[in-house]
Amino acid sequence: MAVLMVGKILRFDEVRGYGFIVPREGGEDVFMHANDLVDEKYLYQAGREVEFYLEMGDKGPKASEIRLLDRQAAAGRAPVVVPAGRPAVEDLDDDGLDVLTTAEFQAELTEALIEADGTLTAAQLKRVRTRVTELARHHGWLEG
């Protein structure tokens, strides 16, 4: 039986067609696939709130019928293209530093880990991401 839930996109790779959602209620990250998106694929970006049905797949929690909660804001917003290695201007704090939220940091870290070693399992990615996030919080490198 599928359960309707709300969460935020942790990361979504439009090219590979998959990503992960962090449920609002907490718990394990939920796998998302492009085939389960209701809206245009380019609108699904890290940090966006979505509504989805939680199902148990062969490899763990899986989202289906994934809808953006704020479709109108998404439709009026074109994807932001930022040169590699440079933060978008709105992401800079008053000192000119690129300060990320925990979700943004984890999304970028996950991307970097996948690019560095595509053989890492989801469990390995989660363990490394959790430990590095703890380290970043300890040093005050994350917003909030």
N, C-alpha and C. Protein backbone atom coordinates (compact mmCIF):
# COMPACT_ATOMS: atom_id res chain seq x y z
N MET A 1 0.84 -1.18 0.00
CA MET A 1 0.00 0.00 0.00
C MET A 1 0.89 1.25 0.00
N ALA A 2 0.64 2.18 -0.90
CA ALA A 2 1.41 3.42 -1.01
C ALA A 2 0.84 4.48 -0.07
N VAL A 3 1.72 5.27 0.53
CA VAL A 3 1.34 6.32 1.47
C VAL A 3 1.72 7.66 0.88
N LEU A 4 0.81 8.64 0.88
CA LEU A 4 1.09 9.98 0.38
C LEU A 4 1.96 10.72 1.38
N MET A 5 3.08 11.30 0.89
CA MET A 5 4.03 11.99 1.76
C MET A 5 4.48 13.29 1.11
N VAL A 6 5.16 14.12 1.90
CA VAL A 6 5.75 15.36 1.43
C VAL A 6 7.22 15.34 1.83
N GLY A 7 8.07 15.91 0.98
CA GLY A 7 9.49 15.99 1.29
C GLY A 7 10.19 16.99 0.41
N LYS A 8 11.50 17.10 0.58
CA LYS A 8 12.32 17.99 -0.24
C LYS A 8 13.29 17.15 -1.06
N ILE A 9 13.51 17.59 -2.27
CA ILE A 9 14.47 16.90 -3.12
C ILE A 9 15.87 17.16 -2.58
N LEU A 10 16.56 16.10 -2.25
CA LEU A 10 17.94 16.21 -1.78
C LEU A 10 18.84 16.45 -2.98
N ARG A 11 18.63 15.66 -4.03
CA ARG A 11 19.35 15.84 -5.28
C ARG A 11 18.59 15.12 -6.37
N PHE A 12 18.71 15.62 -7.58
CA PHE A 12 18.12 14.96 -8.74
C PHE A 12 19.02 15.21 -9.93
N ASP A 13 19.50 14.15 -10.54
CA ASP A 13 20.38 14.24 -11.70
C ASP A 13 19.50 14.07 -12.94
N GLU A 14 19.27 15.17 -13.62
CA GLU A 14 18.39 15.16 -14.79
C GLU A 14 18.94 14.26 -15.90
N VAL A 15 20.24 14.18 -16.04
CA VAL A 15 20.86 13.36 -17.08
C VAL A 15 20.71 11.87 -16.75
N ARG A 16 21.05 11.50 -15.53
CA ARG A 16 20.94 10.09 -15.13
C ARG A 16 19.50 9.68 -14.85
N GLY A 17 18.65 10.67 -14.54
CA GLY A 17 17.23 10.40 -14.35
C GLY A 17 16.84 9.88 -12.98
N TYR A 18 17.67 10.12 -11.96
CA TYR A 18 17.29 9.68 -10.62
C TYR A 18 17.83 10.63 -9.56
N GLY A 19 17.33 10.45 -8.35
CA GLY A 19 17.78 11.26 -7.23
C GLY A 19 17.17 10.75 -5.94
N PHE A 20 17.15 11.63 -4.93
CA PHE A 20 16.63 11.24 -3.62
C PHE A 20 15.82 12.36 -3.01
N ILE A 21 14.81 11.97 -2.23
CA ILE A 21 13.93 12.90 -1.52
C ILE A 21 14.12 12.66 -0.02
N VAL A 22 14.17 13.76 0.75
CA VAL A 22 14.22 13.67 2.21
C VAL A 22 12.78 13.88 2.70
N PRO A 23 12.15 12.87 3.29
CA PRO A 23 10.77 13.02 3.76
C PRO A 23 10.67 14.04 4.88
N ARG A 24 9.61 14.84 4.87
CA ARG A 24 9.38 15.84 5.91
C ARG A 24 9.27 15.19 7.29
N GLU A 25 8.70 13.99 7.33
CA GLU A 25 8.51 13.28 8.58
C GLU A 25 9.80 12.65 9.10
N GLY A 26 10.88 12.75 8.33
CA GLY A 26 12.14 12.14 8.71
C GLY A 26 12.23 10.72 8.20
N GLY A 27 13.27 10.04 8.56
CA GLY A 27 13.46 8.67 8.11
C GLY A 27 14.42 8.59 6.95
N GLU A 28 14.46 7.43 6.34
CA GLU A 28 15.40 7.13 5.26
C GLU A 28 15.09 7.94 4.00
N ASP A 29 16.14 8.39 3.29
CA ASP A 29 15.96 9.06 2.01
C ASP A 29 15.22 8.14 1.07
N VAL A 30 14.40 8.74 0.19
CA VAL A 30 13.55 7.98 -0.72
C VAL A 30 14.07 8.15 -2.14
N PHE A 31 14.27 7.03 -2.84
CA PHE A 31 14.74 7.04 -4.22
C PHE A 31 13.66 7.62 -5.13
N MET A 32 14.06 8.46 -6.07
CA MET A 32 13.13 9.00 -7.07
C MET A 32 13.68 8.76 -8.46
N HIS A 33 12.80 8.46 -9.42
CA HIS A 33 13.22 8.20 -10.80
C HIS A 33 12.42 9.09 -11.73
N ALA A 34 13.05 9.51 -12.82
CA ALA A 34 12.42 10.40 -13.80
C ALA A 34 11.10 9.86 -14.33
N ASN A 35 10.96 8.56 -14.42
CA ASN A 35 9.71 7.97 -14.92
C ASN A 35 8.53 8.23 -14.00
N ASP A 36 8.80 8.63 -12.75
CA ASP A 36 7.73 8.86 -11.78
C ASP A 36 7.40 10.34 -11.58
N LEU A 37 8.00 11.21 -12.39
CA LEU A 37 7.77 12.66 -12.27
C LEU A 37 6.50 13.05 -13.01
N VAL A 38 5.69 13.91 -12.38
CA VAL A 38 4.45 14.37 -12.99
C VAL A 38 4.71 15.63 -13.82
N ASP A 39 5.60 16.50 -13.35
CA ASP A 39 5.90 17.76 -14.04
C ASP A 39 7.16 17.61 -14.89
N GLU A 40 7.53 18.69 -15.59
CA GLU A 40 8.71 18.68 -16.45
C GLU A 40 9.97 18.38 -15.63
N LYS A 41 10.81 17.55 -16.17
CA LYS A 41 12.00 17.05 -15.46
C LYS A 41 12.92 18.18 -14.97
N TYR A 42 13.10 19.22 -15.77
CA TYR A 42 14.05 20.28 -15.39
C TYR A 42 13.60 21.06 -14.16
N LEU A 43 12.32 20.96 -13.79
CA LEU A 43 11.80 21.68 -12.63
C LEU A 43 12.18 21.03 -11.31
N TYR A 44 12.60 19.78 -11.35
CA TYR A 44 12.93 19.04 -10.13
C TYR A 44 14.37 19.31 -9.75
N GLN A 45 14.56 20.24 -8.81
CA GLN A 45 15.89 20.66 -8.38
C GLN A 45 16.02 20.51 -6.88
N ALA A 46 17.24 20.37 -6.40
CA ALA A 46 17.50 20.22 -4.96
C ALA A 46 16.83 21.35 -4.18
N GLY A 47 16.19 20.97 -3.08
CA GLY A 47 15.54 21.95 -2.22
C GLY A 47 14.07 22.17 -2.51
N ARG A 48 13.59 21.71 -3.67
CA ARG A 48 12.17 21.90 -4.03
C ARG A 48 11.31 20.92 -3.23
N GLU A 49 10.15 21.38 -2.77
CA GLU A 49 9.23 20.52 -2.04
C GLU A 49 8.37 19.73 -3.02
N VAL A 50 8.18 18.47 -2.70
CA VAL A 50 7.38 17.59 -3.55
C VAL A 50 6.42 16.77 -2.71
N GLU A 51 5.38 16.30 -3.38
CA GLU A 51 4.43 15.36 -2.80
C GLU A 51 4.60 14.07 -3.59
N PHE A 52 4.57 12.94 -2.90
CA PHE A 52 4.81 11.67 -3.59
C PHE A 52 4.17 10.53 -2.82
N TYR A 53 4.02 9.42 -3.49
CA TYR A 53 3.55 8.22 -2.84
C TYR A 53 4.77 7.37 -2.49
N LEU A 54 4.86 6.98 -1.23
CA LEU A 54 5.95 6.16 -0.76
C LEU A 54 5.60 4.69 -0.97
N GLU A 55 6.49 3.99 -1.65
CA GLU A 55 6.33 2.56 -1.89
C GLU A 55 7.62 1.87 -1.48
N MET A 56 7.55 0.59 -1.23
CA MET A 56 8.76 -0.17 -0.93
C MET A 56 9.17 -0.90 -2.21
N GLY A 57 10.34 -0.53 -2.74
CA GLY A 57 10.88 -1.18 -3.92
C GLY A 57 11.79 -2.32 -3.52
N ASP A 58 12.38 -2.98 -4.51
CA ASP A 58 13.29 -4.08 -4.25
C ASP A 58 14.51 -3.65 -3.43
N LYS A 59 14.92 -2.38 -3.58
CA LYS A 59 16.13 -1.89 -2.92
C LYS A 59 15.84 -0.89 -1.81
N GLY A 60 14.57 -0.76 -1.40
CA GLY A 60 14.24 0.17 -0.34
C GLY A 60 13.12 1.12 -0.74
N PRO A 61 12.96 2.23 0.03
CA PRO A 61 11.88 3.16 -0.23
C PRO A 61 12.00 3.82 -1.60
N LYS A 62 10.87 3.93 -2.30
CA LYS A 62 10.83 4.48 -3.65
C LYS A 62 9.62 5.40 -3.76
N ALA A 63 9.79 6.54 -4.44
CA ALA A 63 8.70 7.50 -4.64
C ALA A 63 8.03 7.25 -5.99
N SER A 64 6.71 7.46 -6.02
CA SER A 64 5.98 7.40 -7.28
C SER A 64 5.03 8.60 -7.34
N GLU A 65 4.59 8.93 -8.54
CA GLU A 65 3.69 10.07 -8.77
C GLU A 65 4.20 11.32 -8.07
N ILE A 66 5.42 11.72 -8.38
CA ILE A 66 6.09 12.84 -7.70
C ILE A 66 5.64 14.16 -8.31
N ARG A 67 5.01 15.01 -7.47
CA ARG A 67 4.49 16.30 -7.91
C ARG A 67 5.17 17.43 -7.15
N LEU A 68 5.45 18.52 -7.83
CA LEU A 68 5.98 19.71 -7.17
C LEU A 68 4.86 20.35 -6.36
N LEU A 69 5.15 20.80 -5.15
CA LEU A 69 4.12 21.45 -4.34
C LEU A 69 3.83 22.86 -4.81
N ASP A 70 4.84 23.57 -5.29
CA ASP A 70 4.66 24.95 -5.75
C ASP A 70 4.92 25.00 -7.25
N ARG A 71 4.00 24.45 -8.03
CA ARG A 71 4.18 24.36 -9.49
C ARG A 71 4.26 25.73 -10.15
N GLN A 72 3.46 26.69 -9.68
CA GLN A 72 3.44 28.00 -10.33
C GLN A 72 4.78 28.72 -10.19
N ALA A 73 5.38 28.66 -9.03
CA ALA A 73 6.69 29.30 -8.84
C ALA A 73 7.73 28.60 -9.70
N ALA A 74 7.63 27.28 -9.81
CA ALA A 74 8.60 26.53 -10.61
C ALA A 74 8.46 26.84 -12.08
N ALA A 75 7.22 26.95 -12.56
CA ALA A 75 6.99 27.18 -13.98
C ALA A 75 7.52 28.54 -14.43
N GLY A 76 7.50 29.53 -13.54
CA GLY A 76 7.98 30.85 -13.90
C GLY A 76 9.47 31.01 -13.74
N ARG A 77 10.15 30.01 -13.25
CA ARG A 77 11.57 30.09 -12.96
C ARG A 77 12.36 29.21 -13.91
N ALA A 78 13.23 29.81 -14.68
CA ALA A 78 14.09 29.03 -15.57
C ALA A 78 15.24 28.46 -14.75
N PRO A 79 15.80 27.33 -15.15
CA PRO A 79 16.93 26.78 -14.42
C PRO A 79 18.09 27.77 -14.40
N VAL A 80 18.77 27.85 -13.26
CA VAL A 80 19.92 28.74 -13.13
C VAL A 80 21.16 27.99 -13.59
N VAL A 81 21.88 28.59 -14.52
CA VAL A 81 23.12 27.97 -15.01
C VAL A 81 24.28 28.77 -14.44
N VAL A 82 25.10 28.10 -13.66
CA VAL A 82 26.24 28.74 -13.01
C VAL A 82 27.50 28.03 -13.48
N PRO A 83 28.53 28.79 -13.91
CA PRO A 83 29.77 28.13 -14.33
C PRO A 83 30.30 27.23 -13.22
N ALA A 84 30.88 26.12 -13.60
CA ALA A 84 31.40 25.15 -12.63
C ALA A 84 32.37 25.83 -11.67
N GLY A 85 32.20 25.52 -10.40
CA GLY A 85 33.11 26.05 -9.39
C GLY A 85 32.77 27.45 -8.91
N ARG A 86 31.71 28.07 -9.46
CA ARG A 86 31.35 29.42 -9.04
C ARG A 86 29.94 29.42 -8.46
N PRO A 87 29.75 29.96 -7.26
CA PRO A 87 28.42 30.02 -6.68
C PRO A 87 27.56 31.06 -7.39
N ALA A 88 26.24 30.83 -7.41
CA ALA A 88 25.33 31.84 -7.92
C ALA A 88 25.38 33.03 -6.98
N VAL A 89 25.17 34.25 -7.49
CA VAL A 89 25.27 35.45 -6.68
C VAL A 89 24.35 35.39 -5.48
N GLU A 90 23.12 34.85 -5.67
CA GLU A 90 22.19 34.81 -4.53
C GLU A 90 22.62 33.82 -3.46
N ASP A 91 23.59 32.94 -3.74
CA ASP A 91 24.08 31.98 -2.76
C ASP A 91 25.21 32.53 -1.90
N LEU A 92 25.69 33.72 -2.20
CA LEU A 92 26.79 34.29 -1.44
C LEU A 92 26.26 35.03 -0.22
N ASP A 93 26.94 34.90 0.91
CA ASP A 93 26.52 35.66 2.08
C ASP A 93 27.17 37.04 2.01
N ASP A 94 27.01 37.84 3.06
CA ASP A 94 27.51 39.22 3.05
C ASP A 94 29.02 39.31 2.91
N ASP A 95 29.74 38.26 3.28
CA ASP A 95 31.20 38.28 3.17
C ASP A 95 31.68 37.73 1.84
N GLY A 96 30.73 37.42 0.92
CA GLY A 96 31.11 36.87 -0.37
C GLY A 96 31.42 35.39 -0.33
N LEU A 97 31.03 34.71 0.76
CA LEU A 97 31.27 33.28 0.88
C LEU A 97 30.04 32.50 0.44
N ASP A 98 30.26 31.34 -0.15
CA ASP A 98 29.17 30.48 -0.59
C ASP A 98 28.74 29.62 0.59
N VAL A 99 27.69 30.03 1.31
CA VAL A 99 27.20 29.31 2.48
C VAL A 99 26.02 28.47 2.05
N LEU A 100 26.09 27.17 2.33
CA LEU A 100 25.06 26.24 1.89
C LEU A 100 24.20 25.77 3.05
N THR A 101 22.96 25.41 2.73
CA THR A 101 22.13 24.72 3.71
C THR A 101 22.63 23.28 3.77
N THR A 102 22.20 22.55 4.78
CA THR A 102 22.61 21.15 4.90
C THR A 102 22.17 20.36 3.67
N ALA A 103 20.94 20.58 3.20
CA ALA A 103 20.43 19.85 2.03
C ALA A 103 21.25 20.17 0.78
N GLU A 104 21.60 21.44 0.58
CA GLU A 104 22.40 21.82 -0.58
C GLU A 104 23.79 21.18 -0.51
N PHE A 105 24.38 21.22 0.69
CA PHE A 105 25.71 20.63 0.88
C PHE A 105 25.68 19.14 0.59
N GLN A 106 24.67 18.45 1.14
CA GLN A 106 24.58 17.00 0.93
C GLN A 106 24.34 16.67 -0.54
N ALA A 107 23.56 17.47 -1.23
CA ALA A 107 23.31 17.23 -2.65
C ALA A 107 24.61 17.36 -3.45
N GLU A 108 25.36 18.43 -3.19
CA GLU A 108 26.62 18.63 -3.91
C GLU A 108 27.64 17.56 -3.54
N LEU A 109 27.69 17.19 -2.27
CA LEU A 109 28.62 16.16 -1.83
C LEU A 109 28.28 14.82 -2.49
N THR A 110 27.01 14.48 -2.54
CA THR A 110 26.59 13.23 -3.18
C THR A 110 27.01 13.21 -4.65
N GLU A 111 26.78 14.31 -5.35
CA GLU A 111 27.20 14.43 -6.76
C GLU A 111 28.70 14.20 -6.90
N ALA A 112 29.47 14.87 -6.04
CA ALA A 112 30.93 14.75 -6.11
C ALA A 112 31.38 13.32 -5.84
N LEU A 113 30.76 12.66 -4.87
CA LEU A 113 31.13 11.28 -4.56
C LEU A 113 30.80 10.34 -5.72
N ILE A 114 29.65 10.54 -6.34
CA ILE A 114 29.27 9.70 -7.48
C ILE A 114 30.22 9.92 -8.65
N GLU A 115 30.58 11.19 -8.89
CA GLU A 115 31.53 11.49 -9.97
C GLU A 115 32.90 10.90 -9.68
N ALA A 116 33.31 10.92 -8.41
CA ALA A 116 34.64 10.42 -8.03
C ALA A 116 34.71 8.91 -8.11
N ASP A 117 33.62 8.23 -7.74
CA ASP A 117 33.63 6.77 -7.73
C ASP A 117 32.21 6.26 -7.93
N GLY A 118 31.88 5.93 -9.16
CA GLY A 118 30.54 5.46 -9.50
C GLY A 118 30.20 4.09 -8.97
N THR A 119 31.14 3.43 -8.29
CA THR A 119 30.87 2.10 -7.77
C THR A 119 30.37 2.11 -6.32
N LEU A 120 30.32 3.29 -5.70
CA LEU A 120 29.84 3.38 -4.33
C LEU A 120 28.36 2.98 -4.27
N THR A 121 28.00 2.22 -3.26
CA THR A 121 26.60 1.85 -3.08
C THR A 121 25.86 3.00 -2.40
N ALA A 122 24.53 2.95 -2.42
CA ALA A 122 23.73 3.98 -1.76
C ALA A 122 24.06 4.02 -0.26
N ALA A 123 24.23 2.85 0.35
CA ALA A 123 24.55 2.79 1.78
C ALA A 123 25.91 3.45 2.06
N GLN A 124 26.90 3.19 1.21
CA GLN A 124 28.22 3.79 1.38
C GLN A 124 28.13 5.31 1.21
N LEU A 125 27.39 5.76 0.20
CA LEU A 125 27.22 7.20 -0.03
C LEU A 125 26.59 7.86 1.20
N LYS A 126 25.56 7.24 1.76
CA LYS A 126 24.89 7.81 2.92
C LYS A 126 25.82 7.90 4.13
N ARG A 127 26.62 6.86 4.37
CA ARG A 127 27.54 6.88 5.52
C ARG A 127 28.59 7.98 5.36
N VAL A 128 29.18 8.08 4.18
CA VAL A 128 30.19 9.11 3.95
C VAL A 128 29.56 10.49 4.06
N ARG A 129 28.40 10.67 3.44
CA ARG A 129 27.71 11.96 3.45
C ARG A 129 27.37 12.36 4.89
N THR A 130 26.89 11.43 5.70
CA THR A 130 26.54 11.73 7.08
C THR A 130 27.76 12.19 7.86
N ARG A 131 28.87 11.47 7.72
CA ARG A 131 30.09 11.82 8.47
C ARG A 131 30.66 13.16 8.04
N VAL A 132 30.69 13.42 6.73
CA VAL A 132 31.24 14.70 6.24
C VAL A 132 30.32 15.85 6.65
N THR A 133 29.01 15.62 6.65
CA THR A 133 28.07 16.65 7.08
C THR A 133 28.28 16.97 8.56
N GLU A 134 28.49 15.95 9.39
CA GLU A 134 28.78 16.17 10.81
C GLU A 134 30.04 17.03 10.97
N LEU A 135 31.05 16.73 10.19
CA LEU A 135 32.30 17.49 10.21
C LEU A 135 32.04 18.95 9.81
N ALA A 136 31.27 19.16 8.76
CA ALA A 136 30.97 20.52 8.29
C ALA A 136 30.18 21.31 9.33
N ARG A 137 29.23 20.65 9.98
CA ARG A 137 28.45 21.31 11.04
C ARG A 137 29.36 21.69 12.21
N HIS A 138 30.25 20.77 12.60
CA HIS A 138 31.17 21.00 13.71
C HIS A 138 32.01 22.27 13.47
N HIS A 139 32.41 22.49 12.22
CA HIS A 139 33.24 23.64 11.88
C HIS A 139 32.43 24.89 11.53
N GLY A 140 31.09 24.77 11.54
CA GLY A 140 30.25 25.93 11.23
C GLY A 140 30.23 26.29 9.75
N TRP A 141 30.47 25.30 8.89
CA TRP A 141 30.51 25.57 7.45
C TRP A 141 29.13 25.55 6.81
N LEU A 142 28.11 25.15 7.58
CA LEU A 142 26.76 25.05 7.03
C LEU A 142 25.85 26.07 7.67
N GLU A 143 24.89 26.54 6.89
CA GLU A 143 23.89 27.49 7.36
C GLU A 143 22.91 26.76 8.27
N GLY A 144 22.53 27.41 9.34
CA GLY A 144 21.47 26.86 10.20
C GLY A 144 21.91 25.95 11.28
